[in-house]
């Protein structure tokens, strides 16, 4: 299996697991810098990883990222809607 590496040398297997990349980014950028990182730091690391991917790998990870973000967006919208409904029921009971 092919791997890519972070600027700190951590290896990430390219097996389609977007969460593995996200977890590694968190560990290598956020945790190692003790939460003292910037937008530029994270984007630089992400761009470093992307530069090591083939066009096909980039397309696969983009599709995976869009799927995960769509599900997260849907869940956040649903949670807000359910909270709104629950708030309306509490007002009606008073």
PDB file of N, CA and C in Angstrom:
ATOM      1  N   UNK A   1       0.849  -1.177   0.000  1.00  0.00           N
ATOM      2  CA  UNK A   1       0.000   0.000   0.000  1.00  0.00           C
ATOM      3  C   UNK A   1       0.897   1.243   0.000  1.00  0.00           C
ATOM      4  N   UNK A   2       0.517   2.188  -0.813  1.00  0.00           N
ATOM      5  CA  UNK A   2       1.268   3.431  -0.921  1.00  0.00           C
ATOM      6  C   UNK A   2       1.008   4.318   0.296  1.00  0.00           C
ATOM      7  N   UNK A   3       2.019   5.059   0.701  1.00  0.00           N
ATOM      8  CA  UNK A   3       1.862   5.977   1.819  1.00  0.00           C
ATOM      9  C   UNK A   3       2.341   7.365   1.417  1.00  0.00           C
ATOM     10  N   UNK A   4       1.848   8.367   2.150  1.00  0.00           N
ATOM     11  CA  UNK A   4       2.354   9.725   2.044  1.00  0.00           C
ATOM     12  C   UNK A   4       2.849  10.109   3.433  1.00  0.00           C
ATOM     13  N   UNK A   5       3.647  11.165   3.515  1.00  0.00           N
ATOM     14  CA  UNK A   5       4.190  11.553   4.807  1.00  0.00           C
ATOM     15  C   UNK A   5       3.912  13.024   5.093  1.00  0.00           C
ATOM     16  N   UNK A   6       3.759  13.304   6.361  1.00  0.00           N
ATOM     17  CA  UNK A   6       3.604  14.687   6.806  1.00  0.00           C
ATOM     18  C   UNK A   6       4.975  15.351   6.808  1.00  0.00           C
ATOM     19  N   UNK A   7       5.013  16.644   7.047  1.00  0.00           N
ATOM     20  CA  UNK A   7       6.292  17.346   7.111  1.00  0.00           C
ATOM     21  C   UNK A   7       7.118  16.891   8.310  1.00  0.00           C
ATOM     22  N   UNK A   8       6.465  16.276   9.292  1.00  0.00           N
ATOM     23  CA  UNK A   8       7.184  15.757  10.465  1.00  0.00           C
ATOM     24  C   UNK A   8       7.614  14.305  10.274  1.00  0.00           C
ATOM     25  N   UNK A   9       7.240  13.708   9.145  1.00  0.00           N
ATOM     26  CA  UNK A   9       7.656  12.347   8.840  1.00  0.00           C
ATOM     27  C   UNK A   9       6.658  11.258   9.161  1.00  0.00           C
ATOM     28  N   UNK A  10       5.503  11.615   9.684  1.00  0.00           N
ATOM     29  CA  UNK A  10       4.481  10.598   9.976  1.00  0.00           C
ATOM     30  C   UNK A  10       3.926  10.048   8.666  1.00  0.00           C
ATOM     31  N   UNK A  11       3.829   8.731   8.600  1.00  0.00           N
ATOM     32  CA  UNK A  11       3.321   8.077   7.397  1.00  0.00           C
ATOM     33  C   UNK A  11       1.811   7.877   7.479  1.00  0.00           C
ATOM     34  N   UNK A  12       1.165   8.073   6.339  1.00  0.00           N
ATOM     35  CA  UNK A  12      -0.288   7.870   6.237  1.00  0.00           C
ATOM     36  C   UNK A  12      -0.534   6.950   5.049  1.00  0.00           C
ATOM     37  N   UNK A  13      -1.129   5.780   5.288  1.00  0.00           N
ATOM     38  CA  UNK A  13      -1.449   4.896   4.159  1.00  0.00           C
ATOM     39  C   UNK A  13      -2.596   5.490   3.335  1.00  0.00           C
ATOM     40  N   UNK A  14      -2.481   5.388   2.033  1.00  0.00           N
ATOM     41  CA  UNK A  14      -3.551   5.863   1.155  1.00  0.00           C
ATOM     42  C   UNK A  14      -4.475   4.696   0.838  1.00  0.00           C
ATOM     43  N   UNK A  15      -5.362   4.423   1.777  1.00  0.00           N
ATOM     44  CA  UNK A  15      -6.284   3.301   1.632  1.00  0.00           C
ATOM     45  C   UNK A  15      -7.735   3.767   1.573  1.00  0.00           C
ATOM     46  N   UNK A  16      -7.941   5.068   1.345  1.00  0.00           N
ATOM     47  CA  UNK A  16      -9.293   5.598   1.256  1.00  0.00           C
ATOM     48  C   UNK A  16      -9.877   6.026   2.586  1.00  0.00           C
ATOM     49  N   UNK A  17      -9.118   5.916   3.661  1.00  0.00           N
ATOM     50  CA  UNK A  17      -9.603   6.250   4.997  1.00  0.00           C
ATOM     51  C   UNK A  17      -9.340   7.719   5.291  1.00  0.00           C
ATOM     52  N   UNK A  18     -10.322   8.561   5.014  1.00  0.00           N
ATOM     53  CA  UNK A  18     -10.193  10.000   5.249  1.00  0.00           C
ATOM     54  C   UNK A  18      -9.953  10.300   6.719  1.00  0.00           C
ATOM     55  N   UNK A  19     -10.598   9.552   7.599  1.00  0.00           N
ATOM     56  CA  UNK A  19     -10.436   9.782   9.030  1.00  0.00           C
ATOM     57  C   UNK A  19      -8.986   9.596   9.473  1.00  0.00           C
ATOM     58  N   UNK A  20      -8.261   8.677   8.859  1.00  0.00           N
ATOM     59  CA  UNK A  20      -6.846   8.471   9.193  1.00  0.00           C
ATOM     60  C   UNK A  20      -6.041   9.726   8.875  1.00  0.00           C
ATOM     61  N   UNK A  21      -6.347  10.367   7.770  1.00  0.00           N
ATOM     62  CA  UNK A  21      -5.651  11.605   7.412  1.00  0.00           C
ATOM     63  C   UNK A  21      -6.014  12.710   8.397  1.00  0.00           C
ATOM     64  N   UNK A  22      -7.278  12.838   8.726  1.00  0.00           N
ATOM     65  CA  UNK A  22      -7.723  13.873   9.657  1.00  0.00           C
ATOM     66  C   UNK A  22      -7.093  13.665  11.031  1.00  0.00           C
ATOM     67  N   UNK A  23      -7.083  12.427  11.512  1.00  0.00           N
ATOM     68  CA  UNK A  23      -6.480  12.130  12.815  1.00  0.00           C
ATOM     69  C   UNK A  23      -4.983  12.437  12.819  1.00  0.00           C
ATOM     70  N   UNK A  24      -4.309  12.092  11.737  1.00  0.00           N
ATOM     71  CA  UNK A  24      -2.872  12.379  11.653  1.00  0.00           C
ATOM     72  C   UNK A  24      -2.622  13.876  11.611  1.00  0.00           C
ATOM     73  N   UNK A  25      -3.421  14.610  10.864  1.00  0.00           N
ATOM     74  CA  UNK A  25      -3.284  16.070  10.836  1.00  0.00           C
ATOM     75  C   UNK A  25      -3.473  16.646  12.237  1.00  0.00           C
ATOM     76  N   UNK A  26      -4.469  16.151  12.943  1.00  0.00           N
ATOM     77  CA  UNK A  26      -4.716  16.621  14.305  1.00  0.00           C
ATOM     78  C   UNK A  26      -3.500  16.367  15.198  1.00  0.00           C
ATOM     79  N   UNK A  27      -2.987  15.150  15.152  1.00  0.00           N
ATOM     80  CA  UNK A  27      -1.839  14.789  15.994  1.00  0.00           C
ATOM     81  C   UNK A  27      -0.583  15.573  15.617  1.00  0.00           C
ATOM     82  N   UNK A  28      -0.291  15.637  14.331  1.00  0.00           N
ATOM     83  CA  UNK A  28       0.965  16.226  13.872  1.00  0.00           C
ATOM     84  C   UNK A  28       0.963  17.753  13.869  1.00  0.00           C
ATOM     85  N   UNK A  29      -0.180  18.363  13.679  1.00  0.00           N
ATOM     86  CA  UNK A  29      -0.227  19.829  13.624  1.00  0.00           C
ATOM     87  C   UNK A  29      -0.771  20.420  14.916  1.00  0.00           C
ATOM     88  N   UNK A  30      -1.890  19.926  15.373  1.00  0.00           N
ATOM     89  CA  UNK A  30      -2.546  20.530  16.538  1.00  0.00           C
ATOM     90  C   UNK A  30      -1.922  20.077  17.857  1.00  0.00           C
ATOM     91  N   UNK A  31      -1.819  18.764  18.064  1.00  0.00           N
ATOM     92  CA  UNK A  31      -1.328  18.250  19.341  1.00  0.00           C
ATOM     93  C   UNK A  31       0.162  18.556  19.521  1.00  0.00           C
ATOM     94  N   UNK A  32       0.970  18.277  18.518  1.00  0.00           N
ATOM     95  CA  UNK A  32       2.408  18.499  18.655  1.00  0.00           C
ATOM     96  C   UNK A  32       2.748  19.974  18.881  1.00  0.00           C
ATOM     97  N   UNK A  33       1.873  20.861  18.443  1.00  0.00           N
ATOM     98  CA  UNK A  33       2.098  22.296  18.670  1.00  0.00           C
ATOM     99  C   UNK A  33       1.314  22.798  19.878  1.00  0.00           C
ATOM    100  N   UNK A  34       0.796  21.855  20.646  1.00  0.00           N
ATOM    101  CA  UNK A  34       0.052  22.160  21.872  1.00  0.00           C
ATOM    102  C   UNK A  34      -1.055  23.190  21.619  1.00  0.00           C
ATOM    103  N   UNK A  35      -1.845  22.934  20.583  1.00  0.00           N
ATOM    104  CA  UNK A  35      -2.980  23.755  20.163  1.00  0.00           C
ATOM    105  C   UNK A  35      -2.573  25.130  19.632  1.00  0.00           C
ATOM    106  N   UNK A  36      -1.274  25.384  19.521  1.00  0.00           N
ATOM    107  CA  UNK A  36      -0.790  26.672  19.039  1.00  0.00           C
ATOM    108  C   UNK A  36      -0.463  26.558  17.548  1.00  0.00           C
ATOM    109  N   UNK A  37      -1.482  26.514  16.750  1.00  0.00           N
ATOM    110  CA  UNK A  37      -1.311  26.426  15.296  1.00  0.00           C
ATOM    111  C   UNK A  37      -2.276  27.389  14.642  1.00  0.00           C
ATOM    112  N   UNK A  38      -1.965  27.724  13.411  1.00  0.00           N
ATOM    113  CA  UNK A  38      -2.784  28.691  12.682  1.00  0.00           C
ATOM    114  C   UNK A  38      -3.456  28.015  11.483  1.00  0.00           C
ATOM    115  N   UNK A  39      -4.315  28.768  10.875  1.00  0.00           N
ATOM    116  CA  UNK A  39      -4.948  28.332   9.623  1.00  0.00           C
ATOM    117  C   UNK A  39      -3.859  28.000   8.603  1.00  0.00           C
ATOM    118  N   UNK A  40      -2.863  28.873   8.512  1.00  0.00           N
ATOM    119  CA  UNK A  40      -1.778  28.684   7.549  1.00  0.00           C
ATOM    120  C   UNK A  40      -0.985  27.407   7.837  1.00  0.00           C
ATOM    121  N   UNK A  41      -0.768  27.116   9.118  1.00  0.00           N
ATOM    122  CA  UNK A  41      -0.061  25.886   9.488  1.00  0.00           C
ATOM    123  C   UNK A  41      -0.813  24.660   8.984  1.00  0.00           C
ATOM    124  N   UNK A  42      -2.107  24.609   9.267  1.00  0.00           N
ATOM    125  CA  UNK A  42      -2.908  23.445   8.875  1.00  0.00           C
ATOM    126  C   UNK A  42      -3.019  23.356   7.361  1.00  0.00           C
ATOM    127  N   UNK A  43      -3.282  24.475   6.707  1.00  0.00           N
ATOM    128  CA  UNK A  43      -3.409  24.450   5.249  1.00  0.00           C
ATOM    129  C   UNK A  43      -2.094  24.061   4.581  1.00  0.00           C
ATOM    130  N   UNK A  44      -0.987  24.516   5.139  1.00  0.00           N
ATOM    131  CA  UNK A  44       0.308  24.129   4.586  1.00  0.00           C
ATOM    132  C   UNK A  44       0.519  22.634   4.658  1.00  0.00           C
ATOM    133  N   UNK A  45       0.147  22.042   5.786  1.00  0.00           N
ATOM    134  CA  UNK A  45       0.291  20.595   5.947  1.00  0.00           C
ATOM    135  C   UNK A  45      -0.662  19.851   5.003  1.00  0.00           C
ATOM    136  N   UNK A  46      -1.885  20.329   4.896  1.00  0.00           N
ATOM    137  CA  UNK A  46      -2.846  19.696   3.982  1.00  0.00           C
ATOM    138  C   UNK A  46      -2.338  19.770   2.551  1.00  0.00           C
ATOM    139  N   UNK A  47      -1.854  20.921   2.144  1.00  0.00           N
ATOM    140  CA  UNK A  47      -1.331  21.070   0.775  1.00  0.00           C
ATOM    141  C   UNK A  47      -0.103  20.180   0.549  1.00  0.00           C
ATOM    142  N   UNK A  48       0.703  20.007   1.567  1.00  0.00           N
ATOM    143  CA  UNK A  48       1.866  19.109   1.483  1.00  0.00           C
ATOM    144  C   UNK A  48       1.404  17.673   1.213  1.00  0.00           C
ATOM    145  N   UNK A  49       0.348  17.247   1.913  1.00  0.00           N
ATOM    146  CA  UNK A  49      -0.180  15.894   1.707  1.00  0.00           C
ATOM    147  C   UNK A  49      -0.801  15.752   0.320  1.00  0.00           C
ATOM    148  N   UNK A  50      -1.580  16.728  -0.080  1.00  0.00           N
ATOM    149  CA  UNK A  50      -2.234  16.678  -1.387  1.00  0.00           C
ATOM    150  C   UNK A  50      -1.217  16.605  -2.520  1.00  0.00           C
ATOM    151  N   UNK A  51      -0.109  17.335  -2.369  1.00  0.00           N
ATOM    152  CA  UNK A  51       0.918  17.347  -3.420  1.00  0.00           C
ATOM    153  C   UNK A  51       1.519  15.966  -3.660  1.00  0.00           C
ATOM    154  N   UNK A  52       1.405  15.083  -2.681  1.00  0.00           N
ATOM    155  CA  UNK A  52       1.962  13.734  -2.809  1.00  0.00           C
ATOM    156  C   UNK A  52       0.971  12.744  -3.428  1.00  0.00           C
ATOM    157  N   UNK A  53      -0.247  13.176  -3.641  1.00  0.00           N
ATOM    158  CA  UNK A  53      -1.285  12.288  -4.174  1.00  0.00           C
ATOM    159  C   UNK A  53      -1.377  12.397  -5.691  1.00  0.00           C
ATOM    160  N   UNK A  54      -1.769  11.291  -6.301  1.00  0.00           N
ATOM    161  CA  UNK A  54      -2.037  11.293  -7.741  1.00  0.00           C
ATOM    162  C   UNK A  54      -3.386  11.977  -7.971  1.00  0.00           C
ATOM    163  N   UNK A  55      -3.671  12.374  -9.202  1.00  0.00           N
ATOM    164  CA  UNK A  55      -4.985  12.956  -9.488  1.00  0.00           C
ATOM    165  C   UNK A  55      -6.143  12.031  -9.092  1.00  0.00           C
ATOM    166  N   UNK A  56      -5.986  10.736  -9.287  1.00  0.00           N
ATOM    167  CA  UNK A  56      -7.037   9.785  -8.926  1.00  0.00           C
ATOM    168  C   UNK A  56      -7.228   9.731  -7.412  1.00  0.00           C
ATOM    169  N   UNK A  57      -6.123   9.726  -6.676  1.00  0.00           N
ATOM    170  CA  UNK A  57      -6.214   9.713  -5.217  1.00  0.00           C
ATOM    171  C   UNK A  57      -6.856  10.994  -4.706  1.00  0.00           C
ATOM    172  N   UNK A  58      -6.490  12.120  -5.296  1.00  0.00           N
ATOM    173  CA  UNK A  58      -7.108  13.394  -4.895  1.00  0.00           C
ATOM    174  C   UNK A  58      -8.617  13.362  -5.133  1.00  0.00           C
ATOM    175  N   UNK A  59      -9.020  12.842  -6.278  1.00  0.00           N
ATOM    176  CA  UNK A  59     -10.457  12.763  -6.591  1.00  0.00           C
ATOM    177  C   UNK A  59     -11.173  11.855  -5.595  1.00  0.00           C
ATOM    178  N   UNK A  60     -10.566  10.729  -5.251  1.00  0.00           N
ATOM    179  CA  UNK A  60     -11.178   9.813  -4.289  1.00  0.00           C
ATOM    180  C   UNK A  60     -11.340  10.467  -2.923  1.00  0.00           C
ATOM    181  N   UNK A  61     -10.287  11.138  -2.454  1.00  0.00           N
ATOM    182  CA  UNK A  61     -10.353  11.774  -1.139  1.00  0.00           C
ATOM    183  C   UNK A  61     -11.272  12.984  -1.141  1.00  0.00           C
ATOM    184  N   UNK A  62     -11.361  13.693  -2.251  1.00  0.00           N
ATOM    185  CA  UNK A  62     -12.318  14.800  -2.339  1.00  0.00           C
ATOM    186  C   UNK A  62     -13.741  14.261  -2.241  1.00  0.00           C
ATOM    187  N   UNK A  63     -14.032  13.194  -2.962  1.00  0.00           N
ATOM    188  CA  UNK A  63     -15.369  12.592  -2.896  1.00  0.00           C
ATOM    189  C   UNK A  63     -15.681  12.135  -1.479  1.00  0.00           C
ATOM    190  N   UNK A  64     -14.725  11.500  -0.813  1.00  0.00           N
ATOM    191  CA  UNK A  64     -14.915  11.037   0.564  1.00  0.00           C
ATOM    192  C   UNK A  64     -15.147  12.230   1.497  1.00  0.00           C
ATOM    193  N   UNK A  65     -14.381  13.291   1.305  1.00  0.00           N
ATOM    194  CA  UNK A  65     -14.524  14.491   2.128  1.00  0.00           C
ATOM    195  C   UNK A  65     -15.894  15.145   1.929  1.00  0.00           C
ATOM    196  N   UNK A  66     -16.320  15.249   0.688  1.00  0.00           N
ATOM    197  CA  UNK A  66     -17.641  15.828   0.424  1.00  0.00           C
ATOM    198  C   UNK A  66     -18.750  14.986   1.044  1.00  0.00           C
ATOM    199  N   UNK A  67     -18.618  13.670   0.964  1.00  0.00           N
ATOM    200  CA  UNK A  67     -19.618  12.798   1.572  1.00  0.00           C
ATOM    201  C   UNK A  67     -19.676  13.026   3.082  1.00  0.00           C
ATOM    202  N   UNK A  68     -18.518  12.995   3.741  1.00  0.00           N
ATOM    203  CA  UNK A  68     -18.476  13.180   5.195  1.00  0.00           C
ATOM    204  C   UNK A  68     -19.022  14.550   5.597  1.00  0.00           C
ATOM    205  N   UNK A  69     -18.656  15.572   4.861  1.00  0.00           N
ATOM    206  CA  UNK A  69     -19.132  16.911   5.186  1.00  0.00           C
ATOM    207  C   UNK A  69     -20.634  17.057   4.947  1.00  0.00           C
ATOM    208  N   UNK A  70     -21.152  16.395   3.930  1.00  0.00           N
ATOM    209  CA  UNK A  70     -22.594  16.427   3.678  1.00  0.00           C
ATOM    210  C   UNK A  70     -23.351  15.751   4.817  1.00  0.00           C
ATOM    211  N   UNK A  71     -22.862  14.605   5.259  1.00  0.00           N
ATOM    212  CA  UNK A  71     -23.503  13.897   6.375  1.00  0.00           C
ATOM    213  C   UNK A  71     -23.442  14.748   7.639  1.00  0.00           C
ATOM    214  N   UNK A  72     -22.301  15.354   7.896  1.00  0.00           N
ATOM    215  CA  UNK A  72     -22.170  16.212   9.082  1.00  0.00           C
ATOM    216  C   UNK A  72     -23.129  17.401   8.998  1.00  0.00           C
ATOM    217  N   UNK A  73     -23.213  18.019   7.835  1.00  0.00           N
ATOM    218  CA  UNK A  73     -24.126  19.142   7.632  1.00  0.00           C
ATOM    219  C   UNK A  73     -25.568  18.709   7.888  1.00  0.00           C
ATOM    220  N   UNK A  74     -25.945  17.561   7.321  1.00  0.00           N
ATOM    221  CA  UNK A  74     -27.302  17.050   7.530  1.00  0.00           C
ATOM    222  C   UNK A  74     -27.573  16.804   9.009  1.00  0.00           C
ATOM    223  N   UNK A  75     -26.613  16.207   9.698  1.00  0.00           N
ATOM    224  CA  UNK A  75     -26.788  15.925  11.127  1.00  0.00           C
ATOM    225  C   UNK A  75     -26.923  17.207  11.939  1.00  0.00           C
ATOM    226  N   UNK A  76     -26.137  18.221  11.620  1.00  0.00           N
ATOM    227  CA  UNK A  76     -26.234  19.493  12.331  1.00  0.00           C
ATOM    228  C   UNK A  76     -27.585  20.164  12.075  1.00  0.00           C
ATOM    229  N   UNK A  77     -28.053  20.109  10.836  1.00  0.00           N
ATOM    230  CA  UNK A  77     -29.355  20.687  10.507  1.00  0.00           C
ATOM    231  C   UNK A  77     -30.475  19.947  11.229  1.00  0.00           C
ATOM    232  N   UNK A  78     -30.389  18.624  11.248  1.00  0.00           N
ATOM    233  CA  UNK A  78     -31.393  17.816  11.925  1.00  0.00           C
ATOM    234  C   UNK A  78     -31.383  18.098  13.421  1.00  0.00           C
ATOM    235  N   UNK A  79     -30.208  18.201  14.012  1.00  0.00           N
ATOM    236  CA  UNK A  79     -30.108  18.485  15.448  1.00  0.00           C
ATOM    237  C   UNK A  79     -30.722  19.848  15.767  1.00  0.00           C
ATOM    238  N   UNK A  80     -30.457  20.843  14.922  1.00  0.00           N
ATOM    239  CA  UNK A  80     -31.034  22.175  15.140  1.00  0.00           C
ATOM    240  C   UNK A  80     -32.553  22.130  15.010  1.00  0.00           C
ATOM    241  N   UNK A  81     -33.048  21.373  14.041  1.00  0.00           N
ATOM    242  CA  UNK A  81     -34.491  21.247  13.844  1.00  0.00           C
ATOM    243  C   UNK A  81     -35.144  20.561  15.043  1.00  0.00           C
ATOM    244  N   UNK A  82     -34.521  19.475  15.511  1.00  0.00           N
ATOM    245  CA  UNK A  82     -35.073  18.757  16.667  1.00  0.00           C
ATOM    246  C   UNK A  82     -35.032  19.623  17.925  1.00  0.00           C
ATOM    247  N   UNK A  83     -33.999  20.414  18.066  1.00  0.00           N
ATOM    248  CA  UNK A  83     -33.911  21.313  19.212  1.00  0.00           C
ATOM    249  C   UNK A  83     -35.007  22.383  19.131  1.00  0.00           C
ATOM    250  N   UNK A  84     -35.272  22.856  17.932  1.00  0.00           N
ATOM    251  CA  UNK A  84     -36.333  23.843  17.729  1.00  0.00           C
ATOM    252  C   UNK A  84     -37.689  23.245  18.079  1.00  0.00           C
ATOM    253  N   UNK A  85     -37.914  22.025  17.642  1.00  0.00           N
ATOM    254  CA  UNK A  85     -39.181  21.341  17.946  1.00  0.00           C
ATOM    255  C   UNK A  85     -39.306  21.138  19.457  1.00  0.00           C
ATOM    256  N   UNK A  86     -38.245  20.689  20.092  1.00  0.00           N
ATOM    257  CA  UNK A  86     -38.272  20.451  21.540  1.00  0.00           C
ATOM    258  C   UNK A  86     -38.530  21.753  22.281  1.00  0.00           C
ATOM    259  N   UNK A  87     -37.963  22.856  21.823  1.00  0.00           N
ATOM    260  CA  UNK A  87     -38.203  24.156  22.435  1.00  0.00           C
ATOM    261  C   UNK A  87     -39.644  24.597  22.278  1.00  0.00           C
ATOM    262  N   UNK A  88     -40.235  24.303  21.136  1.00  0.00           N
ATOM    263  CA  UNK A  88     -41.636  24.649  20.889  1.00  0.00           C
ATOM    264  C   UNK A  88     -42.579  23.848  21.751  1.00  0.00           C
ATOM    265  N   UNK A  89     -42.259  22.594  22.003  1.00  0.00           N
ATOM    266  CA  UNK A  89     -43.091  21.753  22.859  1.00  0.00           C
ATOM    267  C   UNK A  89     -43.044  22.221  24.295  1.00  0.00           C
ATOM    268  N   UNK A  90     -41.870  22.672  24.752  1.00  0.00           N
ATOM    269  CA  UNK A  90     -41.740  23.154  26.123  1.00  0.00           C
ATOM    270  C   UNK A  90     -42.571  24.408  26.321  1.00  0.00           C
ATOM    271  N   UNK A  91     -42.581  25.280  25.319  1.00  0.00           N
ATOM    272  CA  UNK A  91     -43.388  26.516  25.424  1.00  0.00           C
ATOM    273  C   UNK A  91     -44.878  26.207  25.443  1.00  0.00           C
ATOM    274  N   UNK A  92     -45.281  25.199  24.651  1.00  0.00           N
ATOM    275  CA  UNK A  92     -46.694  24.842  24.573  1.00  0.00           C
ATOM    276  C   UNK A  92     -47.187  24.235  25.884  1.00  0.00           C
ATOM    277  N   UNK A  93     -46.326  23.607  26.646  1.00  0.00           N
ATOM    278  CA  UNK A  93     -46.708  22.961  27.900  1.00  0.00           C
ATOM    279  C   UNK A  93     -46.896  23.982  29.019  1.00  0.00           C
ATOM    280  N   UNK A  94     -46.294  25.117  28.894  1.00  0.00           N
ATOM    281  CA  UNK A  94     -46.359  26.106  29.978  1.00  0.00           C
ATOM    282  C   UNK A  94     -47.689  26.721  30.097  1.00  0.00           C
TER     283      UNK A  94
END
